Each structure stands twice: as structure tokens, then as C-alpha cells.
């Protein structure tokens, strides 16, 4: 969108056009700056929510792994693995999208009925059985955490792109319009001065001619 002042014809029409375009670009720049501020505010608040939610989920994950490893120690690794070998690969996650500030972010949801049952028999270690049930209860929260992470990542990318456009406006596009407008205005002013001088010369010659006729 930047323009080369040297390639713009110095005409009044172009001067009017460039001034209108510059005015429009300044409005666009203002909208982008507002968007940047809104993104910054939302990312900050969402980041705080994410950190709080992450701590809650991680506490449950640590508890889950504590149960699992205790059960693994009680049952034995080989025997515990034999229970899970026959588990079908049935778990499915539905991926959808939502739009925040014109940015598409994903949503994740476990497809109902696809979660495998508890593979550990009733006589297996209670810790192993409980760890599996904890994972089933915790999975939606883990997916929610993944939503947060991807949402923040994409919003930060959008913030970077918005900042890049604002910088381009400030340091490239608007300065090029200002230079072009200044160039055209200087040329038109110079032409006006030249026309004024020519008119004065012409007027003087006409006056001299009239005086010569009068004699």
C-alpha cells in the first residue's frame, strides 16, 4: 500500500485523491490500534485464567499419576500392561471452531460413547482402577486446557500481525503518503508561482504596448 512519490503525477486530482486515501488510512490505523489494545487486554485476562486453570488441572494430573504408579507397583508392570493390551482404540475427540476477534480458535470435546471402559478387573489394584477413572473424569478438563493454549497461541499471533500492520502504517505507508502529498503540493505551488510571474510579465508587456499606442 505504500506509494513512491516519484511515480505520482503532480496534479490537483492526485493531490485530492491522496489526501482522501491518507485520511482513510489513518482511520484504519486507529481501528487496528483499538484492536491491538483489545487483544492485549483479552490475552492478559485469558492468560491469568489459563494459569489458574492449569494449576488446578495439573494438581489432579499429579494425583492421577501418583495413584497409577502406586497401582503399578502393587500389580507389577507386566501384569498391568497385559490388562490394557486389549483396550480398543475407540476414543474420538470432536474438533470444532469458534471465532474471537476474527480469529478462529479450536474447541475439543470427547465424542460420547467412545471412551473405552475400565480395562482393569475387579481384583486388580484399586489404585490402578481409580487412576483410570480419574483419567476419564479429567479428560474433558485436559481438552479444555488444550483449548486455552491454542486460543492464546493464535490470539498472540494475531496480536503480532496487528502490531506489524500498525508499524507498517506508522513507518512505511503513512510516511510515503505524506511525502507524496508534500511533493505534489510543492510542485503545484511552484507552478502557481511561475504562472503568477508569467502573468505579471504578460501584464507589463500589455501595459507597455498600450503606452506605445497612446504615443
Protein backbone atom coordinates (compact mmCIF):
# COMPACT_ATOMS: atom_id res chain seq x y z
CA UNK A 1 0.00 0.00 0.00
CA UNK A 2 3.00 2.29 0.23
CA UNK A 3 3.49 4.59 -2.74
CA UNK A 4 6.55 6.04 -4.43
CA UNK A 5 6.25 9.85 -4.52
CA UNK A 6 8.46 9.95 -7.60
CA UNK A 7 5.93 7.90 -9.58
CA UNK A 8 2.89 10.05 -8.76
CA UNK A 9 1.86 12.67 -11.28
CA UNK A 10 1.82 16.07 -9.54
CA UNK A 11 -1.77 17.03 -10.36
CA UNK A 12 -4.54 18.54 -8.27
CA UNK A 13 -6.66 15.43 -8.81
CA UNK A 14 -3.92 13.21 -7.42
CA UNK A 15 -3.42 15.59 -4.51
CA UNK A 16 -7.12 15.37 -3.60
CA UNK A 17 -7.11 11.58 -4.04
CA UNK A 18 -4.03 11.07 -1.89
CA UNK A 19 -5.38 13.28 0.89
CA UNK A 20 -8.61 11.27 0.93
CA UNK A 21 -6.70 7.98 0.98
CA UNK A 22 -4.42 9.22 3.75
CA UNK A 23 -7.45 10.19 5.83
CA UNK A 24 -8.97 6.74 5.28
CA UNK A 25 -5.68 5.03 6.18
CA UNK A 26 -5.49 6.99 9.43
CA UNK A 27 -8.97 5.73 10.32
CA UNK A 28 -7.90 2.17 9.52
CA UNK A 29 -4.80 2.65 11.62
CA UNK A 30 -6.99 3.83 14.51
CA UNK A 31 -9.19 0.73 14.21
CA UNK A 32 -6.12 -1.53 14.21
CA UNK A 33 -4.76 0.22 17.29
CA UNK A 34 -8.08 -0.31 19.08
CA UNK A 35 -7.99 -3.98 18.05
CA UNK A 36 -4.44 -4.27 19.39
CA UNK A 37 -5.48 -2.83 22.76
CA UNK A 38 -8.49 -5.14 22.99
CA UNK A 39 -6.33 -8.16 22.10
CA UNK A 40 -3.76 -7.18 24.73
CA UNK A 41 -6.44 -6.86 27.40
CA UNK A 42 -8.12 -10.14 26.46
CA UNK A 43 -4.84 -12.07 26.24
CA UNK A 44 -3.82 -10.79 29.67
CA UNK A 45 -7.11 -11.80 31.31
CA UNK A 46 -7.26 -15.13 29.43
CA UNK A 47 -3.64 -15.83 30.40
CA UNK A 48 -4.46 -15.31 34.07
CA UNK A 49 -7.46 -17.65 33.77
CA UNK A 50 -5.31 -20.19 31.93
CA UNK A 51 -2.62 -20.18 34.64
CA UNK A 52 -5.23 -20.68 37.35
CA UNK A 53 -6.97 -23.46 35.43
CA UNK A 54 -3.64 -25.09 34.54
CA UNK A 55 -2.65 -25.28 38.20
CA UNK A 56 -5.97 -26.93 39.07
CA UNK A 57 -5.70 -29.49 36.25
CA UNK A 58 -2.03 -30.23 36.96
CA UNK A 59 -2.81 -30.93 40.61
CA UNK A 60 -5.33 -33.55 39.51
CA UNK A 61 -2.87 -34.97 36.95
CA UNK A 62 -0.18 -35.32 39.61
CA UNK A 63 -2.69 -37.11 41.84
CA UNK A 64 -3.67 -39.37 38.92
CA UNK A 65 -0.05 -40.36 38.24
CA UNK A 66 0.55 -40.95 41.95
CA UNK A 67 -2.36 -43.41 42.00
CA UNK A 68 -1.21 -45.02 38.76
CA UNK A 69 2.39 -45.60 39.85
CA UNK A 70 1.27 -46.89 43.26
CA UNK A 71 -1.05 -49.33 41.50
CA UNK A 72 1.71 -50.25 39.06
CA UNK A 73 4.00 -51.06 41.97
CA UNK A 74 1.31 -53.19 43.62
CA UNK A 75 0.24 -55.04 40.47
CA UNK A 76 3.52 -55.29 38.61
CA UNK A 77 4.28 -53.61 35.30
CA UNK A 78 3.95 -56.71 33.10
CA UNK A 79 0.59 -57.68 34.56
CA UNK A 80 -0.73 -54.10 34.41
CA UNK A 81 0.25 -53.82 30.75
CA UNK A 82 -1.46 -57.12 29.94
CA UNK A 83 -4.75 -55.59 31.12
CA UNK A 84 -4.51 -52.68 28.69
CA UNK A 85 -3.32 -54.54 25.57
CA UNK A 86 -6.87 -55.46 24.56
CA UNK A 87 -8.27 -51.95 25.02
CA UNK A 88 -9.78 -50.84 21.66
CA UNK A 89 -8.61 -47.64 20.02
CA UNK A 90 -12.09 -46.14 20.18
CA UNK A 91 -11.63 -42.74 21.83
CA UNK A 92 -12.65 -39.89 19.50
CA UNK A 93 -12.43 -36.16 20.01
CA UNK A 94 -14.68 -33.76 18.13
CA UNK A 95 -12.85 -30.66 16.91
CA UNK A 96 -14.90 -27.54 16.25
CA UNK A 97 -14.07 -23.85 15.89
CA UNK A 98 -15.18 -20.59 17.41
CA UNK A 99 -14.30 -17.05 16.42
CA UNK A 100 -12.70 -14.50 18.77
CA UNK A 101 -11.79 -11.09 17.34
CA UNK A 102 -11.93 -12.52 13.81
CA UNK A 103 -9.54 -15.32 14.89
CA UNK A 104 -10.63 -18.94 14.55
CA UNK A 105 -9.77 -20.99 17.64
CA UNK A 106 -10.47 -24.72 18.13
CA UNK A 107 -12.73 -26.43 20.64
CA UNK A 108 -12.30 -30.06 21.70
CA UNK A 109 -14.94 -32.43 23.02
CA UNK A 110 -14.91 -36.15 23.67
CA UNK A 111 -17.39 -37.92 21.42
CA UNK A 112 -19.98 -39.54 23.66
CA UNK A 113 -19.72 -43.31 23.87
CA UNK A 114 -16.17 -43.57 22.51
CA UNK A 115 -14.35 -43.67 25.87
CA UNK A 116 -13.11 -47.23 26.46
CA UNK A 117 -14.27 -48.96 29.61
CA UNK A 118 -12.05 -49.60 32.60
CA UNK A 119 -9.68 -52.38 31.48
CA UNK A 120 -8.60 -53.40 34.98
CA UNK A 121 -10.50 -56.34 36.52
CA UNK A 122 -12.20 -56.07 39.90
CA UNK A 123 -9.41 -57.98 41.60
CA UNK A 124 -6.72 -55.65 40.21
CA UNK A 125 -5.10 -52.96 42.31
CA UNK A 126 -7.72 -50.38 43.39
CA UNK A 127 -5.14 -47.69 42.65
CA UNK A 128 -4.96 -48.74 39.00
CA UNK A 129 -8.74 -48.81 38.65
CA UNK A 130 -9.07 -45.42 40.35
CA UNK A 131 -6.32 -43.89 38.17
CA UNK A 132 -8.21 -44.92 35.04
CA UNK A 133 -11.49 -43.49 36.36
CA UNK A 134 -9.69 -40.28 37.32
CA UNK A 135 -8.33 -40.01 33.77
CA UNK A 136 -11.83 -40.44 32.33
CA UNK A 137 -13.16 -37.66 34.60
CA UNK A 138 -10.16 -35.43 33.94
CA UNK A 139 -10.02 -35.80 30.14
CA UNK A 140 -12.56 -33.00 29.42
CA UNK A 141 -10.51 -30.66 31.63
CA UNK A 142 -7.31 -31.63 29.78
CA UNK A 143 -9.02 -30.87 26.47
CA UNK A 144 -10.25 -27.56 27.89
CA UNK A 145 -6.67 -26.73 28.85
CA UNK A 146 -5.58 -27.52 25.28
CA UNK A 147 -8.29 -25.13 24.04
CA UNK A 148 -6.89 -22.39 26.25
CA UNK A 149 -3.35 -22.98 25.00
CA UNK A 150 -4.28 -22.95 21.32
CA UNK A 151 -6.58 -19.96 21.75
CA UNK A 152 -3.81 -17.96 23.43
CA UNK A 153 -1.28 -19.00 20.80
CA UNK A 154 -3.50 -17.87 17.93
CA UNK A 155 -4.51 -14.63 19.65
CA UNK A 156 -0.85 -13.82 20.28
CA UNK A 157 -0.10 -14.47 16.59
CA UNK A 158 -2.98 -12.16 15.68
CA UNK A 159 -1.59 -9.53 18.06
CA UNK A 160 1.83 -9.79 16.40
CA UNK A 161 0.27 -9.41 12.95
CA UNK A 162 -1.80 -6.42 14.10
CA UNK A 163 1.30 -4.78 15.60
CA UNK A 164 3.17 -5.43 12.35
CA UNK A 165 0.43 -3.68 10.37
CA UNK A 166 0.39 -0.73 12.79
CA UNK A 167 4.16 -0.42 12.41
CA UNK A 168 3.84 -0.59 8.63
CA UNK A 169 1.29 2.21 8.78
CA UNK A 170 3.47 4.34 11.06
CA UNK A 171 6.83 3.83 9.39
CA UNK A 172 6.11 2.98 5.75
CA UNK A 173 2.63 3.60 4.38
CA UNK A 174 1.60 6.90 6.00
CA UNK A 175 5.08 8.48 5.58
CA UNK A 176 5.00 7.58 1.88
CA UNK A 177 1.62 9.31 1.50
CA UNK A 178 2.87 12.34 3.41
CA UNK A 179 5.94 12.54 1.16
CA UNK A 180 3.82 12.21 -1.99
CA UNK A 181 1.38 14.89 -0.81
CA UNK A 182 4.25 17.19 0.14
CA UNK A 183 5.91 16.60 -3.25
CA UNK A 184 2.74 17.30 -5.25
CA UNK A 185 1.94 20.37 -3.18
CA UNK A 186 5.44 21.76 -3.67
CA UNK A 187 5.23 21.21 -7.45
CA UNK A 188 1.79 22.81 -7.64
CA UNK A 189 2.96 25.77 -5.52
CA UNK A 190 5.97 26.21 -7.78
CA UNK A 191 3.74 26.11 -10.85
CA UNK A 192 1.44 28.68 -9.25
CA UNK A 193 4.41 30.97 -8.60
CA UNK A 194 5.61 30.53 -12.18
CA UNK A 195 2.13 31.26 -13.53
CA UNK A 196 1.95 34.35 -11.35
CA UNK A 197 5.31 35.60 -12.66
CA UNK A 198 4.27 34.92 -16.25
CA UNK A 199 1.03 36.79 -15.72
CA UNK A 200 2.90 39.78 -14.29
CA UNK A 201 5.29 39.75 -17.26
CA UNK A 202 2.38 39.47 -19.67
CA UNK A 203 0.53 42.28 -17.91
CA UNK A 204 3.59 44.52 -18.05
CA UNK A 205 4.05 43.84 -21.75
CA UNK A 206 0.40 44.62 -22.42
CA UNK A 207 0.74 47.87 -20.48
CA UNK A 208 3.87 48.77 -22.41
CA UNK A 209 2.06 48.06 -25.67
CA UNK A 210 -0.86 50.22 -24.65
CA UNK A 211 1.51 53.05 -23.73
CA UNK A 212 3.29 52.75 -27.08
CA UNK A 213 -0.03 53.01 -28.93
CA UNK A 214 -1.01 56.03 -26.91
CA UNK A 215 2.16 57.84 -28.05
